[in-house]
């Protein structure tokens, strides 16, 4: 049998070796298709704790992907949508997407915008193994995208620590109503900085439309440059924005330390939910409870005759001390104890930590001091949640 003598094995489309062979016969394999390689949380758009549709700028149609609009004549709709069967993303295991319907925009203004964002903690970039200071070390962003209008769309990656930098890119021309996979391989740069902390370190911005107050054709695509709020990307084509009820969908978002895109890392719904809950945890929603909109909140006691206190433990440690996200209204909440019950209107913070929350239920409540009791929602609109979003 003949022997093939080589030093390295490398794909023709790659700049790094797949297998490096040493003179002593040992080898090192560069395995990139490995678990936990996708830095994106909820890239398959599975988790939507806040609800599946919103027209609010800054709202979350799916977790970890806030959507923004401004200057619009009609608010666009941001929603979690189904991926149609028979399409390529569907055959690859994607069932949900983030979909924008742009509404009726009667004019195109220089300060108008509709965009999708995804944010990262600085420590999650600093500790990836990406040598972000080296131009020969790479991360790769990939995603599936579909537009009802044939055109090119823009985007940019933005850093926050030290001197801010951004990296403009484009999807390339999309065919109308056709899913297209976009891949961007991004080198490091000696000017980048990512601190080892839980503050925001990097944003990915996908831009269905961004007005010319924020863009400039002087921006260089596929290269790092000092951040400028008036030149985040090249100018956006306005065809999609100006077409009534045009749609834009995205799914399968992946960011990985690699010089090429690997297959999407599918995680279970439970895994994605737990990762999302570091940033937002919905504890109780009346409309999700049965019967009578009564979602359990916590057990506790009457501190006095008009205030109930209880403790909520979070399922995961949150990123930072969370804020209470809640709704209030007439008889939104109900406390049971001592063989009776009473309704009240509001809840508020007592104490908080990264692992739990002391909650105070009050406003119209009447009970017996010292009685052990429990609290529930009493209205479909009642929500108790906690946010430590970036």
Protein backbone atom coordinates (compact mmCIF):
# COMPACT_ATOMS: atom_id res chain seq x y z
CA UNK A 1 0.00 0.00 0.00
CA UNK A 2 1.38 3.42 -0.96
CA UNK A 3 1.62 6.29 1.54
CA UNK A 4 0.31 9.81 0.88
CA UNK A 5 2.54 12.38 2.55
CA UNK A 6 0.94 15.74 3.34
CA UNK A 7 1.46 18.39 6.00
CA UNK A 8 -2.05 19.83 6.20
CA UNK A 9 -5.55 19.30 4.85
CA UNK A 10 -7.59 22.37 4.00
CA UNK A 11 -10.85 23.10 2.18
CA UNK A 12 -10.41 25.19 -0.96
CA UNK A 13 -12.80 27.82 0.42
CA UNK A 14 -11.10 28.11 3.82
CA UNK A 15 -8.08 30.08 4.99
CA UNK A 16 -7.31 27.72 7.90
CA UNK A 17 -6.38 24.04 8.08
CA UNK A 18 -9.00 21.42 8.84
CA UNK A 19 -6.24 18.99 9.89
CA UNK A 20 -2.66 19.90 10.74
CA UNK A 21 -0.13 17.02 10.68
CA UNK A 22 3.05 17.08 12.76
CA UNK A 23 6.32 15.35 11.85
CA UNK A 24 5.90 12.89 14.73
CA UNK A 25 2.68 11.58 13.19
CA UNK A 26 0.27 13.36 15.50
CA UNK A 27 -2.48 15.59 14.13
CA UNK A 28 -4.69 18.45 15.27
CA UNK A 29 -8.22 18.77 13.88
CA UNK A 30 -10.02 22.10 13.69
CA UNK A 31 -13.54 21.00 14.62
CA UNK A 32 -15.99 23.89 14.29
CA UNK A 33 -19.28 22.01 13.98
CA UNK A 34 -19.42 21.46 17.73
CA UNK A 35 -22.00 21.99 20.53
CA UNK A 36 -22.57 25.47 21.96
CA UNK A 37 -20.99 27.17 18.96
CA UNK A 38 -23.96 29.44 18.22
CA UNK A 39 -23.61 32.67 20.22
CA UNK A 40 -27.13 33.75 19.23
CA UNK A 41 -29.90 33.01 21.73
CA UNK A 42 -33.26 32.13 20.17
CA UNK A 43 -31.91 32.30 16.61
CA UNK A 44 -34.67 29.96 15.44
CA UNK A 45 -37.26 32.38 16.86
CA UNK A 46 -38.93 29.74 19.03
CA UNK A 47 -39.41 31.64 22.30
CA UNK A 48 -41.88 34.54 22.59
CA UNK A 49 -42.55 35.13 26.31
CA UNK A 50 -44.09 38.59 25.85
CA UNK A 51 -46.55 37.54 23.17
CA UNK A 52 -46.21 36.87 19.46
CA UNK A 53 -47.13 40.23 17.92
CA UNK A 54 -46.47 43.90 18.63
CA UNK A 55 -46.56 47.29 16.92
CA UNK A 56 -44.55 49.00 19.67
CA UNK A 57 -41.08 50.29 18.81
CA UNK A 58 -38.64 48.43 21.04
CA UNK A 59 -41.08 45.54 21.41
CA UNK A 60 -40.09 41.87 21.35
CA UNK A 61 -42.12 39.69 18.96
CA UNK A 62 -39.66 36.96 19.95
CA UNK A 63 -37.20 36.95 22.84
CA UNK A 64 -33.76 38.57 22.38
CA UNK A 65 -34.78 40.30 19.10
CA UNK A 66 -36.23 43.77 19.78
CA UNK A 67 -37.65 45.57 16.75
CA UNK A 68 -37.74 49.32 16.25
CA UNK A 69 -39.55 51.82 14.06
CA UNK A 70 -39.61 55.60 13.84
CA UNK A 71 -40.97 58.26 11.50
CA UNK A 72 -43.47 55.78 10.09
CA UNK A 73 -46.87 56.89 8.75
CA UNK A 74 -48.35 53.63 10.04
CA UNK A 75 -46.78 51.42 12.67
CA UNK A 76 -45.38 48.19 11.23
CA UNK A 77 -46.34 44.86 12.76
CA UNK A 78 -43.60 42.69 14.27
CA UNK A 79 -44.61 39.08 14.87
CA UNK A 80 -43.54 35.50 15.36
CA UNK A 81 -44.68 33.71 12.19
CA UNK A 82 -44.77 30.15 10.88
CA UNK A 83 -42.21 29.04 8.30
CA UNK A 84 -44.14 27.57 5.38
CA UNK A 85 -43.77 23.85 4.76
CA UNK A 86 -41.92 22.90 1.58
CA UNK A 87 -39.46 25.79 1.89
CA UNK A 88 -35.75 25.18 2.42
CA UNK A 89 -35.69 26.54 6.00
CA UNK A 90 -38.61 24.26 6.85
CA UNK A 91 -36.79 21.20 5.54
CA UNK A 92 -33.79 22.23 7.67
CA UNK A 93 -35.90 22.19 10.84
CA UNK A 94 -37.04 25.80 11.18
CA UNK A 95 -40.68 26.26 12.15
CA UNK A 96 -40.75 29.91 13.29
CA UNK A 97 -39.52 33.22 11.92
CA UNK A 98 -39.54 36.87 12.91
CA UNK A 99 -41.77 38.66 10.40
CA UNK A 100 -42.27 42.37 9.73
CA UNK A 101 -45.26 43.75 7.82
CA UNK A 102 -44.38 47.35 7.09
CA UNK A 103 -47.88 48.89 6.95
CA UNK A 104 -48.75 51.82 4.68
CA UNK A 105 -45.87 54.28 4.43
CA UNK A 106 -47.07 57.21 2.32
CA UNK A 107 -43.66 58.92 2.26
CA UNK A 108 -39.99 58.14 2.77
CA UNK A 109 -38.31 60.40 5.36
CA UNK A 110 -34.65 60.84 6.16
CA UNK A 111 -35.27 59.90 9.81
CA UNK A 112 -37.56 56.93 9.08
CA UNK A 113 -36.45 53.46 10.12
CA UNK A 114 -37.52 49.87 10.68
CA UNK A 115 -34.90 47.52 12.06
CA UNK A 116 -34.23 44.29 13.96
CA UNK A 117 -31.57 44.07 16.66
CA UNK A 118 -29.76 41.42 18.67
CA UNK A 119 -27.53 42.30 21.65
CA UNK A 120 -24.63 40.54 23.38
CA UNK A 121 -22.93 40.86 26.71
CA UNK A 122 -19.31 41.95 26.31
CA UNK A 123 -18.07 38.94 28.29
CA UNK A 124 -19.82 36.58 25.88
CA UNK A 125 -17.67 37.93 23.06
CA UNK A 126 -14.46 38.31 25.09
CA UNK A 127 -14.59 34.64 26.18
CA UNK A 128 -15.51 32.99 22.88
CA UNK A 129 -11.97 32.12 21.79
CA UNK A 130 -12.21 34.59 18.91
CA UNK A 131 -8.96 36.57 18.72
CA UNK A 132 -10.87 39.72 17.81
CA UNK A 133 -7.68 41.80 17.68
CA UNK A 134 -6.29 39.70 14.82
CA UNK A 135 -7.27 40.21 11.19
CA UNK A 136 -6.63 36.49 10.61
CA UNK A 137 -9.17 35.35 13.22
CA UNK A 138 -12.83 35.19 12.23
CA UNK A 139 -16.43 35.02 13.34
CA UNK A 140 -19.18 34.14 10.89
CA UNK A 141 -22.74 35.46 10.88
CA UNK A 142 -25.37 33.53 8.93
CA UNK A 143 -29.15 33.71 8.64
CA UNK A 144 -32.09 32.90 6.39
CA UNK A 145 -34.06 35.87 5.05
CA UNK A 146 -37.08 36.42 2.80
CA UNK A 147 -38.64 39.62 1.44
CA UNK A 148 -41.82 40.15 -0.54
CA UNK A 149 -39.87 42.76 -2.53
CA UNK A 150 -36.78 41.98 -4.61
CA UNK A 151 -33.93 44.19 -3.41
CA UNK A 152 -30.71 44.38 -1.41
CA UNK A 153 -30.94 45.06 2.35
CA UNK A 154 -28.34 46.49 4.70
CA UNK A 155 -27.09 45.73 8.19
CA UNK A 156 -24.23 46.47 10.54
CA UNK A 157 -22.45 45.08 13.59
CA UNK A 158 -21.64 47.59 16.33
CA UNK A 159 -19.19 47.39 19.26
CA UNK A 160 -19.46 49.44 22.48
CA UNK A 161 -16.33 49.16 24.65
CA UNK A 162 -13.47 51.60 24.13
CA UNK A 163 -13.77 53.39 20.80
CA UNK A 164 -16.96 52.24 19.10
CA UNK A 165 -16.59 50.45 15.78
CA UNK A 166 -19.06 49.13 13.26
CA UNK A 167 -19.02 46.67 10.40
CA UNK A 168 -21.51 47.43 7.59
CA UNK A 169 -22.74 44.61 5.38
CA UNK A 170 -25.43 43.83 2.81
CA UNK A 171 -27.60 40.80 2.12
CA UNK A 172 -27.10 41.05 -1.63
CA UNK A 173 -30.08 41.23 -3.97
CA UNK A 174 -32.92 39.00 -2.76
CA UNK A 175 -35.48 37.38 -5.05
CA UNK A 176 -39.03 38.26 -4.03
CA UNK A 177 -40.79 35.73 -1.78
CA UNK A 178 -37.77 33.41 -1.78
CA UNK A 179 -35.77 32.32 1.23
CA UNK A 180 -32.05 33.10 0.85
CA UNK A 181 -29.19 32.17 3.16
CA UNK A 182 -26.86 35.09 3.90
CA UNK A 183 -23.35 34.44 5.23
CA UNK A 184 -20.84 37.05 6.40
CA UNK A 185 -17.35 36.06 7.56
CA UNK A 186 -15.88 38.83 9.69
CA UNK A 187 -12.22 39.25 10.58
CA UNK A 188 -10.91 40.74 13.80
CA UNK A 189 -9.43 44.23 14.03
CA UNK A 190 -6.72 45.63 16.31
CA UNK A 191 -9.04 48.47 17.40
CA UNK A 192 -11.79 46.29 18.84
CA UNK A 193 -12.40 46.05 22.58
CA UNK A 194 -14.69 43.76 24.58
CA UNK A 195 -14.58 44.10 28.37
CA UNK A 196 -15.08 41.05 30.55
CA UNK A 197 -18.40 42.14 32.04
CA UNK A 198 -22.16 41.75 31.62
CA UNK A 199 -22.73 45.13 29.96
CA UNK A 200 -23.57 45.45 26.30
CA UNK A 201 -20.59 44.68 24.08
CA UNK A 202 -21.94 44.10 20.60
CA UNK A 203 -25.11 44.61 18.53
CA UNK A 204 -26.18 42.98 15.30
CA UNK A 205 -28.59 45.21 13.35
CA UNK A 206 -30.63 44.01 10.36
CA UNK A 207 -32.13 46.94 8.45
CA UNK A 208 -35.25 46.54 6.31
CA UNK A 209 -35.03 50.33 6.07
CA UNK A 210 -32.89 53.08 7.56
CA UNK A 211 -33.22 56.73 6.51
CA UNK A 212 -30.34 58.76 5.09
CA UNK A 213 -29.82 60.67 8.36
CA UNK A 214 -28.23 57.43 9.62
CA UNK A 215 -26.60 56.10 6.45
CA UNK A 216 -24.02 57.23 3.93
CA UNK A 217 -22.57 55.62 0.82
CA UNK A 218 -19.12 56.50 2.17
CA UNK A 219 -19.47 53.55 4.57
CA UNK A 220 -17.31 50.61 3.48
CA UNK A 221 -19.10 47.27 3.52
CA UNK A 222 -17.41 44.17 4.93
CA UNK A 223 -14.81 46.17 6.87
CA UNK A 224 -14.44 47.58 10.38
CA UNK A 225 -14.53 51.37 10.72
CA UNK A 226 -14.94 53.91 13.49
CA UNK A 227 -18.62 54.16 14.38
CA UNK A 228 -20.59 57.09 13.00
CA UNK A 229 -24.29 57.45 13.74
CA UNK A 230 -24.75 59.17 10.37
CA UNK A 231 -22.91 56.45 8.41
CA UNK A 232 -23.82 53.13 10.04
CA UNK A 233 -24.25 51.52 6.62
CA UNK A 234 -24.58 52.39 2.97
CA UNK A 235 -27.90 54.00 1.98
CA UNK A 236 -30.93 51.71 2.12
CA UNK A 237 -33.05 51.07 -0.93
CA UNK A 238 -36.56 52.39 -0.17
CA UNK A 239 -38.55 50.08 -2.49
CA UNK A 240 -39.56 47.68 0.28
CA UNK A 241 -40.32 50.47 2.75
CA UNK A 242 -42.51 52.33 0.26
CA UNK A 243 -44.57 49.26 -0.76
CA UNK A 244 -47.82 48.83 1.19
CA UNK A 245 -47.74 45.87 3.58
CA UNK A 246 -44.45 44.53 2.26
CA UNK A 247 -43.05 41.72 4.41
CA UNK A 248 -39.61 40.78 5.66
CA UNK A 249 -38.81 37.51 7.48
CA UNK A 250 -35.71 36.15 9.16
CA UNK A 251 -34.81 32.92 10.94
CA UNK A 252 -31.84 30.64 11.60
CA UNK A 253 -29.57 33.40 12.90
CA UNK A 254 -26.18 32.06 13.93
CA UNK A 255 -22.93 33.73 15.04
CA UNK A 256 -19.94 31.46 15.55
CA UNK A 257 -16.17 31.55 15.92
CA UNK A 258 -15.20 30.21 12.51
CA UNK A 259 -14.04 31.35 9.10
CA UNK A 260 -17.10 29.75 7.50
CA UNK A 261 -20.72 29.00 8.34
CA UNK A 262 -21.53 25.59 9.77
CA UNK A 263 -24.99 24.04 9.86
CA UNK A 264 -27.36 25.76 12.29
CA UNK A 265 -27.13 24.55 15.87
CA UNK A 266 -30.69 23.60 16.77
CA UNK A 267 -31.40 23.66 20.49
CA UNK A 268 -34.52 22.38 22.23
CA UNK A 269 -37.26 24.81 23.20
CA UNK A 270 -36.41 24.23 26.86
CA UNK A 271 -32.76 25.12 26.31
CA UNK A 272 -33.62 28.31 24.44
CA UNK A 273 -36.20 29.31 27.05
CA UNK A 274 -33.68 28.96 29.89
CA UNK A 275 -31.13 31.05 27.97
CA UNK A 276 -33.76 33.73 27.31
CA UNK A 277 -34.80 33.82 30.98
CA UNK A 278 -31.42 35.29 31.94
CA UNK A 279 -32.72 38.50 30.31
CA UNK A 280 -36.50 38.26 30.71
CA UNK A 281 -38.62 35.95 32.83
CA UNK A 282 -42.39 35.94 32.66
CA UNK A 283 -43.61 34.51 35.94
CA UNK A 284 -47.40 34.81 35.64
CA UNK A 285 -49.87 35.86 32.93
CA UNK A 286 -53.58 35.68 33.62
CA UNK A 287 -54.53 34.91 30.03
CA UNK A 288 -52.38 31.74 30.11
CA UNK A 289 -54.10 30.35 33.22
CA UNK A 290 -57.11 28.08 33.59
CA UNK A 291 -59.66 28.41 34.97
CA UNK A 292 -60.69 32.04 35.45
CA UNK A 293 -57.32 33.66 34.54
CA UNK A 294 -55.85 32.62 37.91
CA UNK A 295 -52.12 32.14 37.42
CA UNK A 296 -50.29 31.42 40.70
CA UNK A 297 -47.80 34.11 41.74
CA UNK A 298 -46.44 33.14 45.17
CA UNK A 299 -47.15 32.09 48.73
CA UNK A 300 -46.54 34.47 51.62
CA UNK A 301 -48.20 36.23 54.52
CA UNK A 302 -50.14 39.36 55.43
CA UNK A 303 -47.52 41.77 56.83
CA UNK A 304 -50.40 43.92 58.03
CA UNK A 305 -54.10 44.09 57.24
CA UNK A 306 -53.62 45.77 53.83
CA UNK A 307 -50.36 44.34 52.45
CA UNK A 308 -49.35 40.82 51.40
CA UNK A 309 -45.68 39.87 50.93
CA UNK A 310 -44.31 36.84 49.11
CA UNK A 311 -41.07 35.58 47.55
CA UNK A 312 -40.54 34.54 43.92
CA UNK A 313 -37.51 32.43 42.97
CA UNK A 314 -36.23 32.80 39.40
CA UNK A 315 -35.61 29.62 37.36
CA UNK A 316 -32.16 30.91 36.29
CA UNK A 317 -29.79 33.59 37.56
CA UNK A 318 -30.59 36.84 35.76
CA UNK A 319 -28.01 39.06 34.05
CA UNK A 320 -28.47 42.00 36.45
CA UNK A 321 -30.89 43.12 39.15
CA UNK A 322 -34.19 42.95 37.27
CA UNK A 323 -36.97 45.46 37.03
CA UNK A 324 -40.54 44.41 37.71
CA UNK A 325 -42.72 44.30 34.59
CA UNK A 326 -46.40 44.24 35.60
CA UNK A 327 -49.85 45.45 34.76
CA UNK A 328 -52.31 46.96 37.22
CA UNK A 329 -56.02 47.56 37.25
CA UNK A 330 -59.21 47.03 39.16
CA UNK A 331 -59.18 43.58 40.84
CA UNK A 332 -56.22 42.36 38.73
CA UNK A 333 -54.92 40.27 41.66
CA UNK A 334 -56.39 38.09 44.39
CA UNK A 335 -55.05 36.87 47.74
CA UNK A 336 -56.40 33.77 49.52
CA UNK A 337 -55.94 32.98 53.22
CA UNK A 338 -57.67 32.41 56.53
CA UNK A 339 -60.68 30.80 54.85
CA UNK A 340 -61.41 33.90 52.73
CA UNK A 341 -60.05 35.96 49.82
CA UNK A 342 -59.86 39.54 48.64
CA UNK A 343 -59.00 41.25 45.37
CA UNK A 344 -56.60 44.14 44.88
CA UNK A 345 -55.22 46.23 42.07
CA UNK A 346 -51.42 46.28 42.00
CA UNK A 347 -48.08 44.67 42.89
CA UNK A 348 -44.69 46.25 43.55
CA UNK A 349 -41.09 45.52 44.49
CA UNK A 350 -39.95 44.93 48.05
CA UNK A 351 -36.42 43.50 47.54
CA UNK A 352 -34.61 41.88 44.61
CA UNK A 353 -31.52 39.82 43.80
CA UNK A 354 -30.23 37.99 40.73
CA UNK A 355 -31.96 34.83 41.97
CA UNK A 356 -35.29 36.06 43.33
CA UNK A 357 -37.74 38.79 44.18
CA UNK A 358 -39.77 39.86 47.21
CA UNK A 359 -43.11 41.15 46.01
CA UNK A 360 -45.69 43.32 47.75
CA UNK A 361 -49.36 42.95 46.77
CA UNK A 362 -51.50 45.91 47.85
CA UNK A 363 -53.93 48.66 46.73
CA UNK A 364 -57.41 47.75 47.93
CA UNK A 365 -56.40 44.60 49.80
CA UNK A 366 -57.87 43.61 53.16
CA UNK A 367 -56.86 40.63 55.32
CA UNK A 368 -55.63 39.51 58.73
CA UNK A 369 -52.08 40.31 59.79
CA UNK A 370 -49.95 37.18 60.16
CA UNK A 371 -52.18 34.88 58.12
CA UNK A 372 -50.34 32.61 55.69
CA UNK A 373 -51.80 33.19 52.22
CA UNK A 374 -51.15 32.88 48.51
CA UNK A 375 -51.60 35.25 45.57
CA UNK A 376 -52.88 34.72 42.04
CA UNK A 377 -53.77 36.82 39.03
CA UNK A 378 -57.47 37.62 38.74
CA UNK A 379 -57.66 39.09 35.24
CA UNK A 380 -56.53 37.97 31.80
CA UNK A 381 -54.54 41.21 31.41
CA UNK A 382 -52.58 40.71 34.66
CA UNK A 383 -48.84 40.08 34.10
CA UNK A 384 -45.94 39.67 36.52
CA UNK A 385 -42.53 39.46 34.82
CA UNK A 386 -38.91 40.52 35.35
CA UNK A 387 -36.50 42.14 32.92
CA UNK A 388 -32.72 42.53 32.91
CA UNK A 389 -32.38 43.11 29.17
CA UNK A 390 -29.30 44.78 27.79
